[in-house]
Protein backbone atom coordinates (compact mmCIF):
# COMPACT_ATOMS: atom_id res chain seq x y z
CA UNK A 1 30.27 0.49 -22.02
CA UNK A 2 28.51 -1.04 -18.62
CA UNK A 3 25.16 -2.58 -17.71
CA UNK A 4 22.21 0.12 -16.68
CA UNK A 5 19.04 0.83 -15.67
CA UNK A 6 16.80 2.75 -17.77
CA UNK A 7 13.45 3.44 -15.29
CA UNK A 8 13.08 6.31 -13.87
CA UNK A 9 12.35 5.56 -10.50
CA UNK A 10 12.50 2.37 -8.21
CA UNK A 11 9.56 3.06 -6.64
CA UNK A 12 6.32 1.47 -6.59
CA UNK A 13 3.12 1.97 -4.32
CA UNK A 14 0.57 -1.54 -3.91
CA UNK A 15 -2.43 -0.79 -2.77
CA UNK A 16 -2.99 -4.35 -0.83
CA UNK A 17 -7.00 -4.27 -0.92
CA UNK A 18 -7.25 -4.36 -5.22
CA UNK A 19 -3.90 -6.07 -6.50
CA UNK A 20 -4.81 -9.90 -7.02
CA UNK A 21 -2.72 -12.94 -6.49
CA UNK A 22 0.19 -13.03 -9.28
CA UNK A 23 -0.12 -9.41 -10.28
CA UNK A 24 2.48 -7.42 -12.17
CA UNK A 25 3.09 -4.32 -9.57
CA UNK A 26 6.17 -3.03 -11.66
CA UNK A 27 8.09 -3.55 -14.46
CA UNK A 28 12.14 -3.36 -14.24
CA UNK A 29 14.01 -1.97 -17.10
CA UNK A 30 17.78 -2.57 -17.63
CA UNK A 31 20.32 -2.28 -20.97
CA UNK A 32 23.52 -3.41 -22.54
CA UNK A 33 24.24 -1.28 -25.65
CA UNK A 34 27.38 -3.50 -25.89
CA UNK A 35 25.14 -7.22 -26.53
CA UNK A 36 27.21 -8.43 -24.03
CA UNK A 37 25.88 -11.74 -22.55
CA UNK A 38 24.11 -10.35 -19.07
CA UNK A 39 23.80 -12.19 -15.76
CA UNK A 40 20.71 -11.13 -13.27
CA UNK A 41 20.92 -11.86 -9.81
CA UNK A 42 18.80 -10.32 -7.51
CA UNK A 43 18.22 -10.45 -3.35
CA UNK A 44 14.68 -10.93 -2.30
CA UNK A 45 12.39 -8.47 0.03
CA UNK A 46 12.20 -9.78 3.31
CA UNK A 47 9.25 -12.42 4.22
CA UNK A 48 5.92 -10.09 5.14
CA UNK A 49 6.15 -8.23 8.55
CA UNK A 50 3.48 -10.04 10.75
CA UNK A 51 2.85 -13.02 8.79
CA UNK A 52 6.26 -14.61 7.41
CA UNK A 53 4.36 -14.66 3.92
CA UNK A 54 6.55 -14.55 0.59
CA UNK A 55 4.74 -11.64 -0.57
CA UNK A 56 7.36 -10.98 -3.96
CA UNK A 57 8.76 -12.41 -6.82
CA UNK A 58 10.22 -11.56 -9.45
CA UNK A 59 11.50 -12.72 -13.16
CA UNK A 60 15.32 -12.37 -13.70
CA UNK A 61 14.48 -12.49 -17.80
CA UNK A 62 11.89 -10.02 -18.05
CA UNK A 63 12.74 -7.68 -14.99
CA UNK A 64 8.41 -7.99 -13.44
CA UNK A 65 7.99 -7.88 -9.98
CA UNK A 66 4.84 -10.02 -9.58
CA UNK A 67 2.36 -10.65 -5.79
CA UNK A 68 3.00 -13.93 -5.14
CA UNK A 69 -0.59 -14.24 -3.28
CA UNK A 70 -3.29 -11.98 -2.16
CA UNK A 71 -2.31 -9.12 -0.02
CA UNK A 72 -5.51 -8.08 1.78
CA UNK A 73 -4.79 -9.69 4.68
CA UNK A 74 -1.36 -8.21 5.19
CA UNK A 75 -0.02 -5.03 7.30
CA UNK A 76 1.57 -2.32 5.65
CA UNK A 77 5.33 -2.32 5.16
CA UNK A 78 8.35 -0.68 2.67
CA UNK A 79 10.07 -3.82 1.44
CA UNK A 80 13.32 -3.65 -0.68
CA UNK A 81 14.47 -5.74 -3.92
CA UNK A 82 17.39 -5.34 -5.10
CA UNK A 83 18.89 -5.76 -8.16
CA UNK A 84 22.36 -6.91 -10.13
CA UNK A 85 22.94 -7.15 -13.91
CA UNK A 86 26.30 -7.83 -15.10
CA UNK A 87 28.43 -8.40 -18.47
CA UNK A 88 32.06 -10.04 -18.40
CA UNK A 89 33.53 -6.69 -16.75
CA UNK A 90 31.09 -4.52 -15.14
CA UNK A 91 27.56 -4.39 -13.06
CA UNK A 92 24.81 -1.96 -12.09
CA UNK A 93 22.75 -2.90 -9.28
CA UNK A 94 19.29 -0.94 -8.66
CA UNK A 95 17.32 -1.03 -5.10
CA UNK A 96 13.25 -1.49 -6.19
CA UNK A 97 11.54 0.08 -3.35
CA UNK A 98 8.11 -1.37 -2.68
CA UNK A 99 5.74 0.32 -0.46
CA UNK A 100 2.66 -1.84 0.44
CA UNK A 101 -0.46 0.09 1.41
CA UNK A 102 -2.57 -2.60 3.25
CA UNK A 103 -5.57 -3.23 5.34
CA UNK A 104 -4.23 -3.99 8.32
CA UNK A 105 -2.15 -1.45 10.24
CA UNK A 106 -1.31 -2.00 13.56
CA UNK A 107 -4.36 -2.63 15.09
CA UNK A 108 -5.91 0.90 15.55
CA UNK A 109 -9.60 1.96 15.90
CA UNK A 110 -9.39 6.12 15.81
CA UNK A 111 -10.06 6.11 12.23
CA UNK A 112 -14.10 4.05 13.13
CA UNK A 113 -17.43 6.28 13.71
CA UNK A 114 -20.18 5.17 13.58
CA UNK A 115 -23.79 6.62 13.74
CA UNK A 116 -26.50 4.85 16.30
CA UNK A 117 -29.90 4.93 15.46
CA UNK A 118 -32.48 6.40 17.97
CA UNK A 119 -33.99 2.76 17.20
CA UNK A 120 -30.54 0.48 18.17
CA UNK A 121 -31.08 -1.58 21.10
CA UNK A 122 -29.69 -2.47 24.42
CA UNK A 123 -26.99 -4.52 23.68
CA UNK A 124 -26.72 -4.34 20.14
CA UNK A 125 -23.33 -4.60 18.00
CA UNK A 126 -22.48 -1.85 16.57
CA UNK A 127 -18.99 -2.25 15.82
CA UNK A 128 -17.26 -5.88 14.58
CA UNK A 129 -12.97 -5.84 14.65
CA UNK A 130 -11.40 -8.20 12.87
CA UNK A 131 -8.22 -8.90 14.12
CA UNK A 132 -5.77 -12.08 12.53
CA UNK A 133 -5.19 -14.63 14.68
CA UNK A 134 -1.46 -13.86 15.67
CA UNK A 135 0.58 -15.29 18.60
CA UNK A 136 1.47 -11.31 18.43
CA UNK A 137 -2.19 -10.75 18.83
CA UNK A 138 -2.72 -12.03 22.03
CA UNK A 139 -3.54 -9.88 24.86
CA UNK A 140 -4.58 -6.94 23.44
CA UNK A 141 -6.89 -4.53 24.87
CA UNK A 142 -9.97 -2.53 23.82
CA UNK A 143 -11.07 0.97 24.67
CA UNK A 144 -13.00 3.69 23.80
CA UNK A 145 -14.42 7.54 24.86
CA UNK A 146 -17.35 9.08 24.00
CA UNK A 147 -19.62 11.38 26.05
CA UNK A 148 -22.92 9.87 24.19
CA UNK A 149 -22.08 6.27 24.80
CA UNK A 150 -22.57 3.59 27.24
CA UNK A 151 -20.77 0.91 26.46
CA UNK A 152 -18.67 -2.57 27.24
CA UNK A 153 -15.97 -4.36 24.74
CA UNK A 154 -16.33 -7.61 24.46
CA UNK A 155 -13.20 -9.59 23.06
CA UNK A 156 -14.69 -13.36 23.12
CA UNK A 157 -15.33 -14.61 20.17
CA UNK A 158 -12.93 -17.11 19.32
CA UNK A 159 -13.35 -17.52 15.62
CA UNK A 160 -10.41 -17.18 12.44
CA UNK A 161 -10.14 -14.43 12.13
CA UNK A 162 -10.78 -13.54 15.73
CA UNK A 163 -13.37 -11.22 15.72
CA UNK A 164 -14.11 -8.61 18.39
CA UNK A 165 -17.66 -7.04 19.31
CA UNK A 166 -16.66 -4.24 20.21
CA UNK A 167 -18.93 -1.18 21.66
CA UNK A 168 -21.71 -2.80 22.84
CA UNK A 169 -23.69 -0.85 24.88
CA UNK A 170 -26.70 1.54 25.04
CA UNK A 171 -27.63 5.57 24.66
CA UNK A 172 -27.61 6.97 28.11
CA UNK A 173 -31.31 8.69 28.04
């Protein structure tokens, strides 16, 4: 009998905000009823979409997929890990889908909401958006739409990561 995988599903969703470095996120299980010696090989997932980091490790002895680092600065993305288990005659393959839900999506603030108190000072900072400092993010533009607030957007802070002080302004009287 050829080797086979026993997992009911080959998919895992990882929360990039809560997972820690070197944390196991999935355990792929395989069997060979003939007790033949097995060779396990795999095709590593792509590096991270924007930063080029290696995010996942795979232990060919145990089948455990783990993070290689914290993922709280990564972008939401789907990664594929292809594992092949072979004995001397036959093989079986499985594709594990790793869905990373991370804190950084494509820069977008449409889901931001703020409450402006009546005592808010003119020129005060209402919101700061953190954007990773990568060349892909040069030339970003910001906009805001509201009938209740006169505001300007100031992308001038040069710290790492860049802090874009947004929504500076005052309420209409």
